[in-house]
Amino acid sequence: MIVHSLARSRAKTRYEASRYKGKSLIDWAVLWFKMSNNAFFRLYGFNFNPHEYPYLYEIARNIVYGKAN
């Protein structure tokens, strides 16, 4: 469990620093959670899938919906 927490923490730090089109990967993932795939594509002009990045889906889900206990 400690290894998972450490890996997630490092991933969050890395994704906060990683920028794409002026936003962090975490920002993009949070936006993705708040709309459908089609709406995201129409608004931003590209497809985004946070599942392609280890822990990003989980990090963004926790930001949008709160941390699951």
PDB file of N, CA and C in Angstrom:
ATOM      1  N   MET A   1       0.819  -1.194   0.000  1.00  0.00           N
ATOM      2  CA  MET A   1       0.000   0.000   0.000  1.00  0.00           C
ATOM      3  C   MET A   1       0.862   1.257   0.000  1.00  0.00           C
ATOM      4  N   ILE A   2       1.961   1.235   0.732  1.00  0.00           N
ATOM      5  CA  ILE A   2       2.851   2.387   0.778  1.00  0.00           C
ATOM      6  C   ILE A   2       3.460   2.635  -0.597  1.00  0.00           C
ATOM      7  N   VAL A   3       3.818   1.570  -1.293  1.00  0.00           N
ATOM      8  CA  VAL A   3       4.400   1.705  -2.636  1.00  0.00           C
ATOM      9  C   VAL A   3       3.389   2.358  -3.575  1.00  0.00           C
ATOM     10  N   HIS A   4       2.126   1.936  -3.506  1.00  0.00           N
ATOM     11  CA  HIS A   4       1.072   2.513  -4.343  1.00  0.00           C
ATOM     12  C   HIS A   4       0.901   4.006  -4.049  1.00  0.00           C
ATOM     13  N   SER A   5       0.900   4.384  -2.786  1.00  0.00           N
ATOM     14  CA  SER A   5       0.750   5.793  -2.401  1.00  0.00           C
ATOM     15  C   SER A   5       1.925   6.620  -2.893  1.00  0.00           C
ATOM     16  N   LEU A   6       3.117   6.078  -2.768  1.00  0.00           N
ATOM     17  CA  LEU A   6       4.311   6.788  -3.227  1.00  0.00           C
ATOM     18  C   LEU A   6       4.281   6.957  -4.746  1.00  0.00           C
ATOM     19  N   ALA A   7       3.912   5.910  -5.460  1.00  0.00           N
ATOM     20  CA  ALA A   7       3.842   5.978  -6.921  1.00  0.00           C
ATOM     21  C   ALA A   7       2.797   6.999  -7.364  1.00  0.00           C
ATOM     22  N   ARG A   8       1.638   7.010  -6.701  1.00  0.00           N
ATOM     23  CA  ARG A   8       0.583   7.958  -7.036  1.00  0.00           C
ATOM     24  C   ARG A   8       1.033   9.389  -6.752  1.00  0.00           C
ATOM     25  N   SER A   9       1.720   9.595  -5.638  1.00  0.00           N
ATOM     26  CA  SER A   9       2.212  10.920  -5.277  1.00  0.00           C
ATOM     27  C   SER A   9       3.223  11.426  -6.304  1.00  0.00           C
ATOM     28  N   ARG A  10       4.117  10.556  -6.711  1.00  0.00           N
ATOM     29  CA  ARG A  10       5.105  10.949  -7.731  1.00  0.00           C
ATOM     30  C   ARG A  10       4.425  11.226  -9.070  1.00  0.00           C
ATOM     31  N   ALA A  11       3.435  10.411  -9.406  1.00  0.00           N
ATOM     32  CA  ALA A  11       2.708  10.630 -10.658  1.00  0.00           C
ATOM     33  C   ALA A  11       1.995  11.974 -10.626  1.00  0.00           C
ATOM     34  N   LYS A  12       1.363  12.306  -9.497  1.00  0.00           N
ATOM     35  CA  LYS A  12       0.653  13.580  -9.391  1.00  0.00           C
ATOM     36  C   LYS A  12       1.618  14.747  -9.591  1.00  0.00           C
ATOM     37  N   THR A  13       2.771  14.688  -8.974  1.00  0.00           N
ATOM     38  CA  THR A  13       3.780  15.747  -9.132  1.00  0.00           C
ATOM     39  C   THR A  13       4.210  15.858 -10.589  1.00  0.00           C
ATOM     40  N   ARG A  14       4.429  14.711 -11.229  1.00  0.00           N
ATOM     41  CA  ARG A  14       4.861  14.704 -12.639  1.00  0.00           C
ATOM     42  C   ARG A  14       3.763  15.260 -13.543  1.00  0.00           C
ATOM     43  N   TYR A  15       2.502  14.873 -13.300  1.00  0.00           N
ATOM     44  CA  TYR A  15       1.401  15.323 -14.149  1.00  0.00           C
ATOM     45  C   TYR A  15       1.072  16.795 -13.924  1.00  0.00           C
ATOM     46  N   GLU A  16       1.311  17.308 -12.735  1.00  0.00           N
ATOM     47  CA  GLU A  16       1.122  18.743 -12.488  1.00  0.00           C
ATOM     48  C   GLU A  16       2.124  19.569 -13.285  1.00  0.00           C
ATOM     49  N   ALA A  17       3.327  19.042 -13.447  1.00  0.00           N
ATOM     50  CA  ALA A  17       4.384  19.752 -14.168  1.00  0.00           C
ATOM     51  C   ALA A  17       4.320  19.539 -15.679  1.00  0.00           C
ATOM     52  N   SER A  18       3.711  18.446 -16.122  1.00  0.00           N
ATOM     53  CA  SER A  18       3.626  18.142 -17.553  1.00  0.00           C
ATOM     54  C   SER A  18       2.544  18.997 -18.189  1.00  0.00           C
ATOM     55  N   ARG A  19       2.921  19.774 -19.202  1.00  0.00           N
ATOM     56  CA  ARG A  19       1.991  20.687 -19.852  1.00  0.00           C
ATOM     57  C   ARG A  19       1.679  20.224 -21.264  1.00  0.00           C
ATOM     58  N   TYR A  20       0.438  20.448 -21.656  1.00  0.00           N
ATOM     59  CA  TYR A  20       0.003  20.211 -23.030  1.00  0.00           C
ATOM     60  C   TYR A  20      -0.992  21.314 -23.358  1.00  0.00           C
ATOM     61  N   LYS A  21      -0.703  22.050 -24.400  1.00  0.00           N
ATOM     62  CA  LYS A  21      -1.557  23.156 -24.834  1.00  0.00           C
ATOM     63  C   LYS A  21      -1.889  24.105 -23.679  1.00  0.00           C
ATOM     64  N   GLY A  22      -0.896  24.373 -22.847  1.00  0.00           N
ATOM     65  CA  GLY A  22      -1.023  25.362 -21.783  1.00  0.00           C
ATOM     66  C   GLY A  22      -1.645  24.889 -20.482  1.00  0.00           C
ATOM     67  N   LYS A  23      -2.062  23.637 -20.415  1.00  0.00           N
ATOM     68  CA  LYS A  23      -2.661  23.102 -19.187  1.00  0.00           C
ATOM     69  C   LYS A  23      -1.886  21.871 -18.730  1.00  0.00           C
ATOM     70  N   SER A  24      -1.930  21.610 -17.430  1.00  0.00           N
ATOM     71  CA  SER A  24      -1.298  20.392 -16.921  1.00  0.00           C
ATOM     72  C   SER A  24      -2.146  19.188 -17.314  1.00  0.00           C
ATOM     73  N   LEU A  25      -1.540  18.031 -17.301  1.00  0.00           N
ATOM     74  CA  LEU A  25      -2.302  16.812 -17.603  1.00  0.00           C
ATOM     75  C   LEU A  25      -3.414  16.600 -16.579  1.00  0.00           C
ATOM     76  N   ILE A  26      -3.200  17.019 -15.349  1.00  0.00           N
ATOM     77  CA  ILE A  26      -4.259  16.913 -14.341  1.00  0.00           C
ATOM     78  C   ILE A  26      -5.417  17.833 -14.706  1.00  0.00           C
ATOM     79  N   ASP A  27      -5.121  19.045 -15.154  1.00  0.00           N
ATOM     80  CA  ASP A  27      -6.194  19.957 -15.585  1.00  0.00           C
ATOM     81  C   ASP A  27      -7.017  19.338 -16.709  1.00  0.00           C
ATOM     82  N   TRP A  28      -6.338  18.747 -17.704  1.00  0.00           N
ATOM     83  CA  TRP A  28      -7.052  18.115 -18.817  1.00  0.00           C
ATOM     84  C   TRP A  28      -7.907  16.956 -18.324  1.00  0.00           C
ATOM     85  N   ALA A  29      -7.371  16.157 -17.410  1.00  0.00           N
ATOM     86  CA  ALA A  29      -8.121  15.007 -16.905  1.00  0.00           C
ATOM     87  C   ALA A  29      -9.354  15.449 -16.119  1.00  0.00           C
ATOM     88  N   VAL A  30      -9.240  16.505 -15.332  1.00  0.00           N
ATOM     89  CA  VAL A  30     -10.385  17.018 -14.580  1.00  0.00           C
ATOM     90  C   VAL A  30     -11.450  17.531 -15.545  1.00  0.00           C
ATOM     91  N   LEU A  31     -11.035  18.250 -16.575  1.00  0.00           N
ATOM     92  CA  LEU A  31     -11.991  18.723 -17.581  1.00  0.00           C
ATOM     93  C   LEU A  31     -12.669  17.544 -18.271  1.00  0.00           C
ATOM     94  N   TRP A  32     -11.906  16.509 -18.572  1.00  0.00           N
ATOM     95  CA  TRP A  32     -12.440  15.308 -19.228  1.00  0.00           C
ATOM     96  C   TRP A  32     -13.524  14.668 -18.368  1.00  0.00           C
ATOM     97  N   PHE A  33     -13.321  14.637 -17.053  1.00  0.00           N
ATOM     98  CA  PHE A  33     -14.307  14.055 -16.142  1.00  0.00           C
ATOM     99  C   PHE A  33     -15.607  14.845 -16.120  1.00  0.00           C
ATOM    100  N   LYS A  34     -15.539  16.108 -16.417  1.00  0.00           N
ATOM    101  CA  LYS A  34     -16.707  16.979 -16.280  1.00  0.00           C
ATOM    102  C   LYS A  34     -17.577  17.046 -17.524  1.00  0.00           C
ATOM    103  N   MET A  35     -17.210  16.301 -18.582  1.00  0.00           N
ATOM    104  CA  MET A  35     -18.022  16.323 -19.811  1.00  0.00           C
ATOM    105  C   MET A  35     -17.874  15.009 -20.545  1.00  0.00           C
ATOM    106  N   SER A  36     -18.690  14.829 -21.557  1.00  0.00           N
ATOM    107  CA  SER A  36     -18.591  13.615 -22.371  1.00  0.00           C
ATOM    108  C   SER A  36     -17.367  13.700 -23.287  1.00  0.00           C
ATOM    109  N   ASN A  37     -16.965  12.551 -23.828  1.00  0.00           N
ATOM    110  CA  ASN A  37     -15.852  12.526 -24.782  1.00  0.00           C
ATOM    111  C   ASN A  37     -16.151  13.412 -25.987  1.00  0.00           C
ATOM    112  N   ASN A  38     -17.383  13.341 -26.499  1.00  0.00           N
ATOM    113  CA  ASN A  38     -17.755  14.141 -27.666  1.00  0.00           C
ATOM    114  C   ASN A  38     -17.698  15.630 -27.363  1.00  0.00           C
ATOM    115  N   ALA A  39     -18.199  16.028 -26.203  1.00  0.00           N
ATOM    116  CA  ALA A  39     -18.163  17.440 -25.830  1.00  0.00           C
ATOM    117  C   ALA A  39     -16.722  17.912 -25.667  1.00  0.00           C
ATOM    118  N   PHE A  40     -15.880  17.088 -25.079  1.00  0.00           N
ATOM    119  CA  PHE A  40     -14.469  17.436 -24.913  1.00  0.00           C
ATOM    120  C   PHE A  40     -13.829  17.658 -26.275  1.00  0.00           C
ATOM    121  N   PHE A  41     -14.064  16.737 -27.197  1.00  0.00           N
ATOM    122  CA  PHE A  41     -13.475  16.862 -28.535  1.00  0.00           C
ATOM    123  C   PHE A  41     -13.986  18.103 -29.259  1.00  0.00           C
ATOM    124  N   ARG A  42     -15.292  18.360 -29.191  1.00  0.00           N
ATOM    125  CA  ARG A  42     -15.849  19.546 -29.860  1.00  0.00           C
ATOM    126  C   ARG A  42     -15.267  20.838 -29.287  1.00  0.00           C
ATOM    127  N   LEU A  43     -15.065  20.865 -27.991  1.00  0.00           N
ATOM    128  CA  LEU A  43     -14.572  22.072 -27.332  1.00  0.00           C
ATOM    129  C   LEU A  43     -13.075  22.286 -27.536  1.00  0.00           C
ATOM    130  N   TYR A  44     -12.290  21.205 -27.416  1.00  0.00           N
ATOM    131  CA  TYR A  44     -10.828  21.345 -27.438  1.00  0.00           C
ATOM    132  C   TYR A  44     -10.166  20.820 -28.704  1.00  0.00           C
ATOM    133  N   GLY A  45     -10.881  20.060 -29.519  1.00  0.00           N
ATOM    134  CA  GLY A  45     -10.348  19.627 -30.807  1.00  0.00           C
ATOM    135  C   GLY A  45      -9.407  18.440 -30.767  1.00  0.00           C
ATOM    136  N   PHE A  46      -9.345  17.737 -29.653  1.00  0.00           N
ATOM    137  CA  PHE A  46      -8.537  16.523 -29.591  1.00  0.00           C
ATOM    138  C   PHE A  46      -9.155  15.568 -28.577  1.00  0.00           C
ATOM    139  N   ASN A  47      -8.819  14.300 -28.732  1.00  0.00           N
ATOM    140  CA  ASN A  47      -9.289  13.286 -27.793  1.00  0.00           C
ATOM    141  C   ASN A  47      -8.298  13.172 -26.646  1.00  0.00           C
ATOM    142  N   PHE A  48      -8.818  12.918 -25.480  1.00  0.00           N
ATOM    143  CA  PHE A  48      -7.973  12.753 -24.294  1.00  0.00           C
ATOM    144  C   PHE A  48      -8.461  11.546 -23.521  1.00  0.00           C
ATOM    145  N   ASN A  49      -7.544  10.728 -23.066  1.00  0.00           N
ATOM    146  CA  ASN A  49      -7.899   9.547 -22.282  1.00  0.00           C
ATOM    147  C   ASN A  49      -6.953   9.437 -21.095  1.00  0.00           C
ATOM    148  N   PRO A  50      -7.407   9.792 -19.891  1.00  0.00           N
ATOM    149  CA  PRO A  50      -6.515   9.730 -18.731  1.00  0.00           C
ATOM    150  C   PRO A  50      -6.088   8.309 -18.364  1.00  0.00           C
ATOM    151  N   HIS A  51      -6.773   7.307 -18.912  1.00  0.00           N
ATOM    152  CA  HIS A  51      -6.369   5.924 -18.651  1.00  0.00           C
ATOM    153  C   HIS A  51      -5.003   5.611 -19.261  1.00  0.00           C
ATOM    154  N   GLU A  52      -4.553   6.421 -20.209  1.00  0.00           N
ATOM    155  CA  GLU A  52      -3.269   6.184 -20.867  1.00  0.00           C
ATOM    156  C   GLU A  52      -2.079   6.566 -19.988  1.00  0.00           C
ATOM    157  N   TYR A  53      -2.329   7.218 -18.866  1.00  0.00           N
ATOM    158  CA  TYR A  53      -1.273   7.670 -17.963  1.00  0.00           C
ATOM    159  C   TYR A  53      -1.478   7.005 -16.597  1.00  0.00           C
ATOM    160  N   PRO A  54      -0.484   6.281 -16.102  1.00  0.00           N
ATOM    161  CA  PRO A  54      -0.644   5.598 -14.816  1.00  0.00           C
ATOM    162  C   PRO A  54      -1.079   6.556 -13.695  1.00  0.00           C
ATOM    163  N   TYR A  55      -2.139   6.199 -13.006  1.00  0.00           N
ATOM    164  CA  TYR A  55      -2.708   6.911 -11.858  1.00  0.00           C
ATOM    165  C   TYR A  55      -3.441   8.204 -12.210  1.00  0.00           C
ATOM    166  N   LEU A  56      -3.372   8.698 -13.419  1.00  0.00           N
ATOM    167  CA  LEU A  56      -4.006   9.982 -13.741  1.00  0.00           C
ATOM    168  C   LEU A  56      -5.521   9.914 -13.602  1.00  0.00           C
ATOM    169  N   TYR A  57      -6.133   8.841 -14.050  1.00  0.00           N
ATOM    170  CA  TYR A  57      -7.587   8.693 -13.922  1.00  0.00           C
ATOM    171  C   TYR A  57      -7.991   8.760 -12.445  1.00  0.00           C
ATOM    172  N   GLU A  58      -7.285   8.025 -11.623  1.00  0.00           N
ATOM    173  CA  GLU A  58      -7.585   7.982 -10.186  1.00  0.00           C
ATOM    174  C   GLU A  58      -7.376   9.357  -9.530  1.00  0.00           C
ATOM    175  N   ILE A  59      -6.299  10.036  -9.873  1.00  0.00           N
ATOM    176  CA  ILE A  59      -6.012  11.354  -9.304  1.00  0.00           C
ATOM    177  C   ILE A  59      -7.117  12.341  -9.675  1.00  0.00           C
ATOM    178  N   ALA A  60      -7.474  12.393 -10.950  1.00  0.00           N
ATOM    179  CA  ALA A  60      -8.507  13.329 -11.408  1.00  0.00           C
ATOM    180  C   ALA A  60      -9.872  12.983 -10.814  1.00  0.00           C
ATOM    181  N   ARG A  61     -10.201  11.703 -10.734  1.00  0.00           N
ATOM    182  CA  ARG A  61     -11.465  11.283 -10.144  1.00  0.00           C
ATOM    183  C   ARG A  61     -11.571  11.758  -8.688  1.00  0.00           C
ATOM    184  N   ASN A  62     -10.474  11.639  -7.955  1.00  0.00           N
ATOM    185  CA  ASN A  62     -10.448  12.088  -6.573  1.00  0.00           C
ATOM    186  C   ASN A  62     -10.627  13.608  -6.466  1.00  0.00           C
ATOM    187  N   ILE A  63     -10.078  14.346  -7.396  1.00  0.00           N
ATOM    188  CA  ILE A  63     -10.235  15.802  -7.393  1.00  0.00           C
ATOM    189  C   ILE A  63     -11.688  16.168  -7.670  1.00  0.00           C
ATOM    190  N   VAL A  64     -12.293  15.533  -8.659  1.00  0.00           N
ATOM    191  CA  VAL A  64     -13.657  15.874  -9.065  1.00  0.00           C
ATOM    192  C   VAL A  64     -14.697  15.378  -8.070  1.00  0.00           C
ATOM    193  N   TYR A  65     -14.565  14.144  -7.623  1.00  0.00           N
ATOM    194  CA  TYR A  65     -15.607  13.518  -6.801  1.00  0.00           C
ATOM    195  C   TYR A  65     -15.232  13.355  -5.330  1.00  0.00           C
ATOM    196  N   GLY A  66     -14.036  13.722  -4.972  1.00  0.00           N
ATOM    197  CA  GLY A  66     -13.576  13.542  -3.589  1.00  0.00           C
ATOM    198  C   GLY A  66     -12.877  12.208  -3.436  1.00  0.00           C
ATOM    199  N   LYS A  67     -12.014  12.159  -2.476  1.00  0.00           N
ATOM    200  CA  LYS A  67     -11.236  10.942  -2.260  1.00  0.00           C
ATOM    201  C   LYS A  67     -12.114   9.843  -1.680  1.00  0.00           C
ATOM    202  N   ALA A  68     -12.037   8.670  -2.286  1.00  0.00           N
ATOM    203  CA  ALA A  68     -12.781   7.499  -1.792  1.00  0.00           C
ATOM    204  C   ALA A  68     -12.028   6.910  -0.617  1.00  0.00           C
ATOM    205  N   ASN A  69     -12.739   6.570   0.418  1.00  0.00           N
ATOM    206  CA  ASN A  69     -12.086   5.996   1.608  1.00  0.00           C
ATOM    207  C   ASN A  69     -12.033   4.509   1.535  1.00  0.00           C
TER     208      ASN A  69
END
